[in-house]
Amino acid sequence: MDLNADIIIIGGGIIGISCGYYLSQAGQRVVVVEKASIGTGTSARSFFWANASTKNTDAPYHHLNALGVRLYRSLADHYGAKRLGIHSCGALGIVRASDPVGYTATRDKAARLTALGYPNRWLDNAALRAAEPDLVFPDDTEALFTPDDKIIHARKVMRFFADEIRAKGGILIENCTAQEIRADEDGTITGLNSSLGTITAPKILLSAGPDTAQLLAELTGFDGYSRFPVTKAPGLLVTTPPLSTPRPAHIIYTESGTALQFQPDVGGGIRMGSDETDGLILQDQSPENLRRIGQELLGHVQHFVPGLAAEAETVIDQSALDIGIRPYPADGKTIAGALPGAKGLFVVATHSGITLAPALGKLMAQTIATGTVPDMLHPFGLGRLAGMG
């Protein structure tokens, strides 16, 4: 296999495939190289929540996430929400008035979102019960409602992006391992050696998620890149089978007590996760421990979903327990831009792949196709990170 392209994208997750979509829309001939199958890695093991509501303390990062949310809405308006698997249900951050610290923090969060221009509304207990009539809440529970938040069926979106890349003449190569980046003596990119042959191109975008550091070191032969500032953060998600129990109408997350998030799943069940239980799988990912943590998650959700307790044993036996290994940049924010010292090599890594896929796809396509970095992307270049400037 010998191919020529304008840009090679290494990694067929939601970020890489979104970048491929926007680059192909800009007239670039794209080749995507994926070591397994498109959309079967971290992107498929995500909570599928697109939002800018939880990113509200840093204005540039909030606005980048808000762009991702707006672009999903534009894609849905143009191509159809059902085709792309975009569910604009909004999110409810529930908090108890009897928790003064959590209540004040959530009120402050609402004020910050308003100042940032992100739509939100406060719901008292009666309004919350009207919004979620099938769920159970303590009498002092209120909520921050962010109507623009969305559930994204990542596999559907990725299939759409892949189809559009092919329609523009691009090529997606699955079950193909990237082996070596080719460059001339002055560091200018010339292509890629892969397990299926050579691909010639003047530009390469590495979007390898949690494998970014290791793969960058392997592809360039420079061991120093193994210390690239992206770590791996595991997360456990439980997706129940279809339920007879009523399900939530919105994305629900807690702002009091145990950190918890759950949402209606496209398959008819409930999808749930928790930052707290994620910490319990760092050292032990045995089936027994995963099942125990799954039961713990289910126990928390039972407080809100009546009737789920009666199905609990059956549900946990039939539930999908997925571990997603997510990339986590050192400062918690996105990395996106040209790699210093290599002409034509670009890197993207982010913890918020579902939300940011269309935003990073569009902005990186502009960067790569025109050579001009959009203002919104400047704060997320590699120059801000120690040793990368």
Protein backbone atom coordinates (compact mmCIF):
# COMPACT_ATOMS: atom_id res chain seq x y z
CA MET A 1 0.00 0.00 0.00
CA ASP A 2 1.46 3.33 -1.09
CA LEU A 3 -0.77 6.38 -0.67
CA ASN A 4 -0.44 10.14 -1.05
CA ALA A 5 -2.38 12.59 1.10
CA ASP A 6 -2.40 16.18 2.29
CA ILE A 7 -2.71 15.10 5.92
CA ILE A 8 -2.40 11.82 7.82
CA ILE A 9 -4.41 11.49 11.02
CA ILE A 10 -3.18 8.86 13.46
CA GLY A 11 -6.10 7.75 15.65
CA GLY A 12 -9.71 7.11 14.69
CA GLY A 13 -11.44 8.21 17.88
CA ILE A 14 -13.95 11.04 17.98
CA ILE A 15 -11.29 13.79 17.98
CA GLY A 16 -9.29 12.35 15.10
CA ILE A 17 -12.33 11.53 13.00
CA SER A 18 -13.83 15.00 13.64
CA CYS A 19 -10.58 16.64 12.56
CA GLY A 20 -10.69 14.47 9.45
CA TYR A 21 -14.24 15.58 8.72
CA TYR A 22 -13.48 19.30 8.94
CA LEU A 23 -10.19 18.94 7.02
CA SER A 24 -11.97 17.09 4.22
CA GLN A 25 -14.62 19.83 4.19
CA ALA A 26 -11.74 22.30 3.71
CA GLY A 27 -10.59 20.43 0.60
CA GLN A 28 -7.77 18.41 2.19
CA ARG A 29 -7.14 14.83 1.09
CA VAL A 30 -7.28 12.93 4.38
CA VAL A 31 -5.97 9.50 5.37
CA VAL A 32 -6.95 8.25 8.83
CA VAL A 33 -4.90 5.41 10.32
CA GLU A 34 -6.54 3.46 13.17
CA LYS A 35 -4.87 0.56 14.98
CA ALA A 36 -8.20 -1.21 15.64
CA SER A 37 -11.66 -0.23 14.37
CA ILE A 38 -12.99 3.31 14.09
CA GLY A 39 -14.73 4.42 17.28
CA THR A 40 -14.07 1.35 19.43
CA GLY A 41 -11.63 2.89 21.92
CA THR A 42 -12.03 5.56 24.59
CA SER A 43 -14.66 7.46 22.60
CA ALA A 44 -17.06 4.52 22.80
CA ARG A 45 -16.51 4.25 26.55
CA SER A 46 -17.50 7.74 27.53
CA PHE A 47 -20.42 9.27 29.41
CA PHE A 48 -21.50 10.94 26.12
CA TRP A 49 -22.22 14.31 27.77
CA ALA A 50 -21.45 17.42 25.69
CA ASN A 51 -21.45 20.48 27.90
CA ALA A 52 -19.78 23.70 28.89
CA SER A 53 -21.63 23.86 32.21
CA THR A 54 -18.99 21.98 34.21
CA LYS A 55 -16.16 24.07 32.73
CA ASN A 56 -16.98 27.45 34.20
CA THR A 57 -13.94 28.75 36.10
CA ASP A 58 -11.64 29.44 33.13
CA ALA A 59 -13.17 31.61 30.41
CA PRO A 60 -11.06 30.46 27.40
CA TYR A 61 -11.66 26.79 28.23
CA HIS A 62 -15.36 27.39 28.81
CA HIS A 63 -15.73 29.14 25.45
CA LEU A 64 -13.90 26.31 23.67
CA ASN A 65 -16.34 23.81 25.19
CA ALA A 66 -19.31 26.06 24.42
CA LEU A 67 -18.20 26.13 20.78
CA GLY A 68 -18.31 22.33 20.75
CA VAL A 69 -21.88 22.39 22.08
CA ARG A 70 -22.95 24.98 19.47
CA LEU A 71 -21.37 23.05 16.61
CA TYR A 72 -23.29 19.91 17.60
CA ARG A 73 -26.46 21.97 17.38
CA SER A 74 -25.46 23.24 13.92
CA LEU A 75 -24.68 19.71 12.72
CA ALA A 76 -28.03 18.48 14.06
CA ASP A 77 -29.89 21.34 12.37
CA HIS A 78 -28.18 20.64 9.05
CA TYR A 79 -28.05 16.84 8.92
CA GLY A 80 -30.68 15.78 11.45
CA ALA A 81 -30.27 15.05 15.14
CA LYS A 82 -31.49 11.47 14.81
CA ARG A 83 -28.98 10.63 12.08
CA LEU A 84 -26.10 11.90 14.20
CA GLY A 85 -27.38 10.58 17.53
CA ILE A 86 -27.58 14.02 19.17
CA HIS A 87 -30.13 14.27 22.02
CA SER A 88 -30.66 17.85 23.24
CA CYS A 89 -32.18 17.06 26.62
CA GLY A 90 -30.30 19.47 28.89
CA ALA A 91 -28.72 18.70 32.26
CA LEU A 92 -29.82 19.10 35.89
CA GLY A 93 -27.23 19.69 38.58
CA ILE A 94 -29.16 18.79 41.71
CA VAL A 95 -28.26 20.21 45.10
CA ARG A 96 -29.87 20.21 48.53
CA ALA A 97 -30.62 23.43 50.35
CA SER A 98 -29.60 21.65 53.57
CA ASP A 99 -26.05 21.49 52.18
CA PRO A 100 -25.05 25.16 52.56
CA VAL A 101 -21.59 24.70 51.04
CA GLY A 102 -22.81 22.80 47.99
CA TYR A 103 -25.85 25.07 47.60
CA THR A 104 -23.77 28.25 47.65
CA ALA A 105 -21.21 26.76 45.27
CA THR A 106 -23.93 25.79 42.79
CA ARG A 107 -25.55 29.22 42.98
CA ASP A 108 -22.12 30.75 42.34
CA LYS A 109 -21.67 28.40 39.40
CA ALA A 110 -24.98 29.57 37.94
CA ALA A 111 -23.82 33.18 38.24
CA ARG A 112 -20.54 32.39 36.47
CA LEU A 113 -22.36 30.63 33.63
CA THR A 114 -24.66 33.63 33.24
CA ALA A 115 -21.65 35.96 33.08
CA LEU A 116 -20.06 33.68 30.46
CA GLY A 117 -23.25 33.74 28.38
CA TYR A 118 -24.11 30.06 28.80
CA PRO A 119 -27.90 29.56 29.15
CA ASN A 120 -29.05 28.33 32.55
CA ARG A 121 -32.04 28.51 34.85
CA TRP A 122 -32.57 27.77 38.53
CA LEU A 123 -35.32 25.27 39.39
CA ASP A 124 -36.90 25.16 42.82
CA ASN A 125 -38.17 21.86 44.17
CA ALA A 126 -41.57 22.11 42.48
CA ALA A 127 -40.03 22.99 39.11
CA LEU A 128 -37.51 20.15 39.47
CA ARG A 129 -40.26 17.63 40.18
CA ALA A 130 -42.19 18.93 37.15
CA ALA A 131 -39.09 18.51 34.97
CA GLU A 132 -38.45 14.96 36.27
CA PRO A 133 -41.86 13.65 37.42
CA ASP A 134 -40.73 10.00 37.45
CA LEU A 135 -37.75 10.53 39.75
CA VAL A 136 -37.65 10.93 43.54
CA PHE A 137 -35.94 13.89 45.22
CA PRO A 138 -35.80 15.02 48.86
CA ASP A 139 -38.06 17.98 49.60
CA ASP A 140 -35.15 20.43 49.86
CA THR A 141 -33.61 19.49 46.48
CA GLU A 142 -33.25 22.20 43.83
CA ALA A 143 -31.35 22.22 40.54
CA LEU A 144 -29.28 24.18 38.07
CA PHE A 145 -30.75 23.53 34.62
CA THR A 146 -28.48 23.99 31.57
CA PRO A 147 -30.70 23.42 28.53
CA ASP A 148 -27.94 23.40 25.89
CA ASP A 149 -26.18 20.32 27.35
CA LYS A 150 -26.54 17.25 25.12
CA ILE A 151 -26.18 13.49 25.03
CA ILE A 152 -24.00 12.47 22.08
CA HIS A 153 -24.22 8.93 20.71
CA ALA A 154 -20.52 8.86 19.90
CA ARG A 155 -20.61 5.83 17.62
CA LYS A 156 -23.29 7.42 15.41
CA VAL A 157 -21.44 10.72 15.19
CA MET A 158 -18.20 8.96 14.30
CA ARG A 159 -19.91 6.89 11.60
CA PHE A 160 -21.30 10.12 10.15
CA PHE A 161 -17.87 11.80 10.15
CA ALA A 162 -16.29 8.70 8.59
CA ASP A 163 -18.90 8.57 5.83
CA GLU A 164 -18.38 12.25 5.04
CA ILE A 165 -14.59 11.83 4.88
CA ARG A 166 -14.99 9.00 2.37
CA ALA A 167 -17.51 11.06 0.36
CA LYS A 168 -14.83 13.74 -0.04
CA GLY A 169 -12.27 11.21 -1.29
CA GLY A 170 -10.56 10.51 2.01
CA ILE A 171 -9.43 7.07 3.16
CA LEU A 172 -9.87 5.40 6.53
CA ILE A 173 -7.51 2.50 7.20
CA GLU A 174 -8.47 0.25 10.10
CA ASN A 175 -6.38 -2.45 11.82
CA CYS A 176 -3.27 -0.58 10.76
CA THR A 177 -0.42 0.26 13.14
CA ALA A 178 1.52 3.50 12.74
CA GLN A 179 5.20 2.60 12.99
CA GLU A 180 7.44 5.54 12.15
CA ILE A 181 7.05 9.17 11.21
CA ARG A 182 9.13 10.04 8.16
CA ALA A 183 10.92 13.38 8.03
CA ASP A 184 13.84 14.91 6.15
CA GLU A 185 17.03 16.22 7.73
CA ASP A 186 15.57 19.56 8.81
CA GLY A 187 12.62 17.91 10.59
CA THR A 188 10.03 18.49 7.87
CA ILE A 189 7.38 15.77 7.79
CA THR A 190 7.27 13.64 4.66
CA GLY A 191 4.97 10.78 5.63
CA LEU A 192 4.37 7.69 7.74
CA ASN A 193 5.51 4.08 7.73
CA SER A 194 2.70 1.77 8.80
CA SER A 195 2.10 -1.95 9.13
CA LEU A 196 0.30 -1.84 5.77
CA GLY A 197 2.78 0.30 3.87
CA THR A 198 3.98 3.85 3.38
CA ILE A 199 1.77 6.95 3.26
CA THR A 200 3.27 10.14 1.88
CA ALA A 201 2.06 13.47 3.25
CA PRO A 202 3.57 16.80 4.38
CA LYS A 203 1.49 16.91 7.58
CA ILE A 204 0.55 14.49 10.35
CA LEU A 205 -1.94 14.94 13.17
CA LEU A 206 -1.51 12.63 16.15
CA SER A 207 -4.79 12.06 18.01
CA ALA A 208 -4.02 8.95 20.02
CA GLY A 209 -5.83 9.73 23.26
CA PRO A 210 -4.28 8.06 26.31
CA ASP A 211 -1.47 6.57 24.18
CA THR A 212 -0.20 9.99 23.08
CA ALA A 213 3.08 10.02 25.01
CA GLN A 214 4.10 6.43 24.26
CA LEU A 215 3.15 6.62 20.60
CA LEU A 216 4.87 9.97 20.06
CA ALA A 217 8.10 8.51 21.46
CA GLU A 218 7.80 5.37 19.33
CA LEU A 219 6.96 7.18 16.09
CA THR A 220 9.74 9.77 16.37
CA GLY A 221 12.40 7.61 18.02
CA PHE A 222 12.84 10.29 20.68
CA ASP A 223 12.46 8.77 24.14
CA GLY A 224 11.98 12.21 25.71
CA TYR A 225 8.46 12.28 24.31
CA SER A 226 7.55 9.43 26.65
CA ARG A 227 7.33 12.20 29.27
CA PHE A 228 4.85 14.17 27.15
CA PRO A 229 2.45 15.79 29.68
CA VAL A 230 -0.57 13.50 29.16
CA THR A 231 -1.45 10.84 31.72
CA LYS A 232 -4.08 8.09 31.73
CA ALA A 233 -7.25 8.43 33.79
CA PRO A 234 -9.52 5.36 34.01
CA GLY A 235 -13.27 5.77 34.37
CA LEU A 236 -15.93 3.15 35.03
CA LEU A 237 -19.33 3.39 33.36
CA VAL A 238 -22.30 1.18 34.04
CA THR A 239 -24.96 0.85 31.36
CA THR A 240 -28.02 -1.12 32.41
CA PRO A 241 -30.09 -3.24 30.06
CA PRO A 242 -33.50 -1.89 28.99
CA LEU A 243 -35.61 -1.18 32.06
CA SER A 244 -39.30 -1.29 32.87
CA THR A 245 -38.46 1.32 35.53
CA PRO A 246 -39.01 4.98 34.51
CA ARG A 247 -35.84 6.66 33.36
CA PRO A 248 -34.59 10.25 33.69
CA ALA A 249 -35.52 12.71 30.97
CA HIS A 250 -32.31 14.73 31.44
CA ILE A 251 -28.67 14.24 32.28
CA ILE A 252 -28.62 14.24 36.09
CA TYR A 253 -25.57 15.01 38.21
CA THR A 254 -25.24 15.69 41.90
CA GLU A 255 -23.84 18.83 43.48
CA SER A 256 -24.41 17.55 47.05
CA GLY A 257 -23.06 14.40 48.65
CA THR A 258 -21.64 11.62 46.47
CA ALA A 259 -20.44 12.75 43.05
CA LEU A 260 -22.76 10.97 40.63
CA GLN A 261 -24.01 11.34 37.08
CA PHE A 262 -26.61 9.35 35.17
CA GLN A 263 -28.64 9.71 31.99
CA PRO A 264 -31.08 7.82 29.75
CA ASP A 265 -29.16 5.45 27.48
CA VAL A 266 -30.04 5.03 23.82
CA GLY A 267 -30.58 1.30 24.40
CA GLY A 268 -33.42 1.83 26.88
CA GLY A 269 -31.45 1.60 30.11
CA ILE A 270 -29.57 4.07 32.30
CA ARG A 271 -25.90 5.03 31.90
CA MET A 272 -24.10 6.06 35.08
CA GLY A 273 -20.70 6.97 36.43
CA SER A 274 -18.97 8.73 39.30
CA ASP A 275 -15.62 10.44 39.79
CA GLU A 276 -15.49 8.92 43.26
CA THR A 277 -15.83 5.32 42.10
CA ASP A 278 -13.33 5.98 39.30
CA GLY A 279 -10.67 6.28 41.99
CA LEU A 280 -11.48 2.77 43.22
CA ILE A 281 -10.40 1.13 39.96
CA LEU A 282 -6.92 2.66 39.73
CA GLN A 283 -5.26 -0.36 41.32
CA ASP A 284 -7.87 -3.11 40.96
CA GLN A 285 -9.71 -3.74 37.72
CA SER A 286 -10.62 -7.33 38.47
CA PRO A 287 -14.12 -8.49 37.48
CA GLU A 288 -15.03 -8.86 41.16
CA ASN A 289 -14.02 -5.30 42.01
CA LEU A 290 -15.73 -3.86 38.93
CA ARG A 291 -18.94 -5.69 39.84
CA ARG A 292 -18.73 -4.41 43.42
CA ILE A 293 -18.26 -0.82 42.22
CA GLY A 294 -21.07 -1.28 39.71
CA GLN A 295 -23.36 -2.32 42.54
CA GLU A 296 -22.26 0.74 44.52
CA LEU A 297 -23.09 3.02 41.59
CA LEU A 298 -26.43 1.33 41.12
CA GLY A 299 -27.16 1.81 44.83
CA HIS A 300 -26.66 5.56 44.53
CA VAL A 301 -28.93 5.84 41.48
CA GLN A 302 -31.64 3.79 43.24
CA HIS A 303 -32.23 6.75 45.57
CA PHE A 304 -33.56 8.72 42.62
CA VAL A 305 -35.11 6.06 40.36
CA PRO A 306 -38.08 4.30 42.01
CA GLY A 307 -38.37 0.61 41.30
CA LEU A 308 -34.73 0.21 40.29
CA ALA A 309 -33.95 -1.51 43.58
CA ALA A 310 -36.35 -4.33 42.73
CA GLU A 311 -34.44 -4.96 39.50
CA ALA A 312 -31.00 -4.40 41.02
CA GLU A 313 -29.62 -7.96 40.98
CA THR A 314 -30.88 -8.68 37.50
CA VAL A 315 -29.63 -5.31 36.29
CA ILE A 316 -26.09 -5.65 37.63
CA ASP A 317 -25.77 -9.15 36.16
CA GLN A 318 -26.78 -7.91 32.72
CA SER A 319 -25.20 -4.46 32.76
CA ALA A 320 -22.24 -3.45 30.63
CA LEU A 321 -19.30 -2.46 32.83
CA ASP A 322 -16.97 -0.39 30.66
CA ILE A 323 -13.62 1.08 31.61
CA GLY A 324 -12.62 4.05 29.51
CA ILE A 325 -8.97 5.07 29.74
CA ARG A 326 -9.09 8.79 29.08
CA PRO A 327 -6.17 11.10 28.27
CA TYR A 328 -5.56 13.74 30.92
CA PRO A 329 -3.25 16.68 30.10
CA ALA A 330 -1.04 17.77 32.98
CA ASP A 331 -2.92 21.01 33.65
CA GLY A 332 -6.35 19.47 33.07
CA LYS A 333 -6.94 21.42 29.86
CA THR A 334 -6.77 20.55 26.18
CA ILE A 335 -3.53 20.27 24.22
CA ALA A 336 -3.97 21.23 20.57
CA GLY A 337 -1.45 22.57 18.11
CA ALA A 338 1.84 22.16 16.30
CA LEU A 339 4.61 20.22 18.01
CA PRO A 340 7.60 22.56 18.41
CA GLY A 341 10.69 21.44 16.48
CA ALA A 342 8.82 19.33 13.93
CA LYS A 343 7.55 20.97 10.75
CA GLY A 344 4.13 19.61 9.88
CA LEU A 345 3.48 17.53 13.04
CA PHE A 346 0.41 18.39 15.12
CA VAL A 347 -0.94 16.90 18.36
CA VAL A 348 -4.37 16.92 20.02
CA ALA A 349 -5.10 15.44 23.45
CA THR A 350 -8.03 16.23 25.72
CA HIS A 351 -10.04 14.85 28.61
CA SER A 352 -13.27 16.29 27.14
CA GLY A 353 -13.31 14.52 23.80
CA ILE A 354 -17.07 14.16 23.42
CA THR A 355 -17.74 17.85 24.01
CA LEU A 356 -14.73 19.21 22.15
CA ALA A 357 -14.66 16.99 19.06
CA PRO A 358 -16.38 19.40 16.66
CA ALA A 359 -14.67 22.49 18.13
CA LEU A 360 -11.19 21.00 17.95
CA GLY A 361 -11.97 19.48 14.55
CA LYS A 362 -12.97 22.85 13.11
CA LEU A 363 -10.16 24.87 14.74
CA MET A 364 -7.42 22.34 14.00
CA ALA A 365 -8.62 22.08 10.39
CA GLN A 366 -8.19 25.85 10.07
CA THR A 367 -4.75 25.67 11.68
CA ILE A 368 -3.55 22.85 9.44
CA ALA A 369 -5.15 23.93 6.17
CA THR A 370 -4.29 27.64 6.36
CA GLY A 371 -1.27 27.81 8.67
CA THR A 372 -3.10 30.34 10.85
CA VAL A 373 -3.94 29.46 14.46
CA PRO A 374 -7.42 30.74 15.44
CA ASP A 375 -7.43 33.03 18.48
CA MET A 376 -9.63 30.60 20.41
CA LEU A 377 -6.95 27.89 20.10
CA HIS A 378 -3.95 29.97 21.22
CA PRO A 379 -4.36 29.24 24.96
CA PHE A 380 -4.15 25.49 24.29
CA GLY A 381 -0.90 25.28 22.33
CA LEU A 382 2.00 23.20 23.55
CA GLY A 383 4.10 26.26 24.35
CA ARG A 384 2.30 26.71 27.69
CA LEU A 385 3.62 23.37 28.99
CA ALA A 386 7.01 22.95 30.65
CA GLY A 387 9.61 21.62 28.24
CA MET A 388 7.34 21.95 25.22
CA GLY A 389 7.92 25.57 24.23
